[in-house]
Protein backbone atom coordinates (compact mmCIF):
# COMPACT_ATOMS: atom_id res chain seq x y z
CA MET A 1 -29.05 -28.96 -20.45
CA TYR A 2 -30.61 -25.03 -19.54
CA LYS A 3 -30.78 -25.72 -16.03
CA LEU A 4 -26.94 -25.59 -16.52
CA LEU A 5 -26.87 -22.10 -17.88
CA PRO A 6 -27.62 -20.25 -14.54
CA LEU A 7 -24.62 -21.91 -12.54
CA ALA A 8 -22.27 -21.72 -15.35
CA PHE A 9 -23.06 -17.48 -15.60
CA ASN A 10 -23.08 -17.34 -11.92
CA ILE A 11 -19.32 -19.32 -11.84
CA ILE A 12 -18.02 -16.75 -14.54
CA ASN A 13 -19.57 -13.95 -12.87
CA ALA A 14 -17.68 -15.15 -9.61
CA ILE A 15 -14.01 -15.10 -11.23
CA LYS A 16 -14.03 -11.33 -12.57
CA MET A 17 -11.07 -10.21 -12.82
CA LYS A 18 -10.33 -6.85 -10.86
CA ILE A 19 -8.97 -4.00 -12.07
CA LEU A 20 -8.13 -0.47 -10.59
CA ILE A 21 -7.35 2.54 -12.56
CA ILE A 22 -5.64 5.76 -10.79
CA ASP A 23 -5.35 8.69 -13.58
CA ASP A 24 -6.80 12.19 -13.49
CA GLU A 25 -7.81 11.83 -16.97
CA GLU A 26 -11.82 10.97 -16.55
CA ASP A 27 -12.27 9.97 -20.50
CA TYR A 28 -9.28 7.98 -20.30
CA CYS A 29 -10.25 6.23 -16.90
CA MET A 30 -13.78 5.80 -18.73
CA LEU A 31 -12.73 4.50 -21.76
CA ILE A 32 -10.37 1.90 -19.77
CA LYS A 33 -13.48 0.95 -17.53
CA ASP A 34 -15.92 0.35 -20.54
CA PHE A 35 -13.46 -1.79 -22.51
CA TYR A 36 -12.62 -4.25 -19.45
CA SER A 37 -16.37 -4.02 -18.27
CA SER A 38 -17.43 -5.09 -21.94
CA ARG A 39 -14.88 -7.93 -21.45
CA ASN A 40 -16.63 -8.88 -17.92
CA CYS A 41 -13.85 -7.49 -15.87
CA GLU A 42 -14.81 -5.63 -12.31
CA THR A 43 -13.06 -1.92 -13.05
CA GLN A 44 -12.47 0.62 -10.39
CA MET A 45 -11.44 4.12 -11.22
CA ALA A 46 -9.96 6.88 -8.72
CA HIS A 47 -8.65 10.34 -10.03
CA THR A 48 -6.31 10.83 -7.18
CA LEU A 49 -3.85 9.05 -5.02
CA LYS A 50 -5.42 10.10 -1.85
CA ASP A 51 -8.68 8.33 -3.58
CA GLY A 52 -6.96 5.65 -5.26
CA LEU A 53 -4.59 3.94 -2.82
CA PRO A 54 -7.02 3.17 0.10
CA LEU A 55 -8.81 0.98 -3.04
CA LEU A 56 -6.03 -1.48 -3.43
CA GLU A 57 -6.81 -2.81 0.06
CA ILE A 58 -10.61 -1.98 -0.03
CA PHE A 59 -11.24 -3.32 -4.16
CA SER A 60 -8.08 -6.11 -4.11
CA PRO A 61 -7.46 -5.89 -7.50
CA GLU A 62 -5.47 -8.18 -9.48
CA ILE A 63 -4.06 -5.00 -12.14
CA LEU A 64 -3.43 -1.53 -11.39
CA PHE A 65 -2.89 1.30 -14.14
CA LEU A 66 -1.34 4.06 -12.33
CA ASP A 67 -0.49 7.18 -14.16
CA ASN A 68 2.24 9.33 -13.05
CA ASN A 69 1.15 12.58 -12.92
CA LEU A 70 -1.74 12.92 -10.52
CA PRO A 71 -2.80 16.18 -8.84
CA ASP A 72 -1.52 14.72 -5.47
CA GLY A 73 1.66 13.55 -6.29
CA SER A 74 4.00 11.20 -8.46
CA GLY A 75 1.89 7.71 -8.79
CA TRP A 76 5.36 5.97 -9.67
CA THR A 77 6.50 7.04 -6.45
CA PHE A 78 4.43 4.70 -4.56
CA VAL A 79 5.55 1.42 -6.93
CA ASP A 80 7.67 -0.04 -4.29
CA THR A 81 5.46 0.55 -1.35
CA ILE A 82 2.46 -0.91 -3.13
CA LEU A 83 4.30 -3.96 -4.33
CA ASN A 84 5.66 -4.45 -0.75
CA LYS A 85 1.87 -4.57 0.26
CA ASN A 86 0.40 -6.33 -2.83
CA PRO A 87 3.13 -8.92 -4.21
CA GLY A 88 0.92 -10.42 -7.00
CA LEU A 89 -0.42 -7.16 -7.95
CA ARG A 90 0.32 -6.82 -11.69
CA ILE A 91 0.99 -2.90 -12.12
CA HIS A 92 0.90 -1.14 -15.23
CA LEU A 93 2.75 2.49 -15.20
CA VAL A 94 0.95 5.10 -17.64
CA SER A 95 1.93 8.54 -18.33
CA ALA A 96 1.44 10.74 -21.81
CA TYR A 97 5.58 11.31 -21.91
CA LYS A 98 7.70 8.51 -20.44
CA PRO A 99 9.47 9.84 -17.24
CA GLU A 100 12.77 8.73 -15.51
CA THR A 101 12.31 5.22 -14.04
CA LYS A 102 15.17 5.15 -12.43
CA ASN A 103 14.24 5.60 -8.77
CA ILE A 104 11.73 2.42 -9.01
CA SER A 105 13.78 -0.46 -7.70
CA SER A 106 10.87 -2.99 -8.51
CA LEU A 107 10.92 -2.03 -12.25
CA ASP A 108 11.52 -5.26 -13.37
CA LYS A 109 7.79 -6.18 -11.59
CA VAL A 110 5.80 -3.29 -13.85
CA LYS A 111 5.41 -2.36 -17.15
CA VAL A 112 5.59 1.00 -18.47
CA TRP A 113 3.11 2.66 -20.87
CA GLU A 114 3.32 5.78 -22.76
CA LYS A 115 -0.33 6.79 -23.48
CA PRO A 116 -2.62 6.07 -25.60
CA ILE A 117 -2.48 2.15 -24.96
CA SER A 118 -3.85 0.69 -28.03
CA LEU A 119 -7.07 -1.72 -27.51
CA LYS A 120 -4.77 -4.62 -28.80
CA ASN A 121 -2.47 -4.20 -25.69
CA LEU A 122 -5.35 -3.93 -23.17
CA ALA A 123 -7.06 -7.21 -24.43
CA GLU A 124 -3.55 -8.50 -24.11
CA ILE A 125 -2.85 -7.12 -20.80
CA ILE A 126 -5.89 -9.57 -19.01
CA GLN A 127 -4.96 -12.79 -21.60
CA VAL A 128 -1.31 -12.98 -19.48
């Protein structure tokens, strides 16, 4: 029986959900990263679009948290492009205030959140 435990542990670790956070609020990113790391998720974070967008291809996450107001641009303007390149990606748009979303043609494929996101909601995101 004990010989199966390492195998089961390796299988669980091999299927970690990957989550990318692109947000300029470093403390907010760390809270989300710590929350998901404690739930066996692999999490990467970036604080600018310049650093974050290349991680979509390199890291290949299943879930993306994308802030709107970033130092180098509006994250939400990239939603359609991101979904065209990553059609299975689950995008969660976050902002301290709810900006206009009418320019996002793929709005039916994303979830919009106002900060802060509750721990209950964070847990539900990975259960879907």
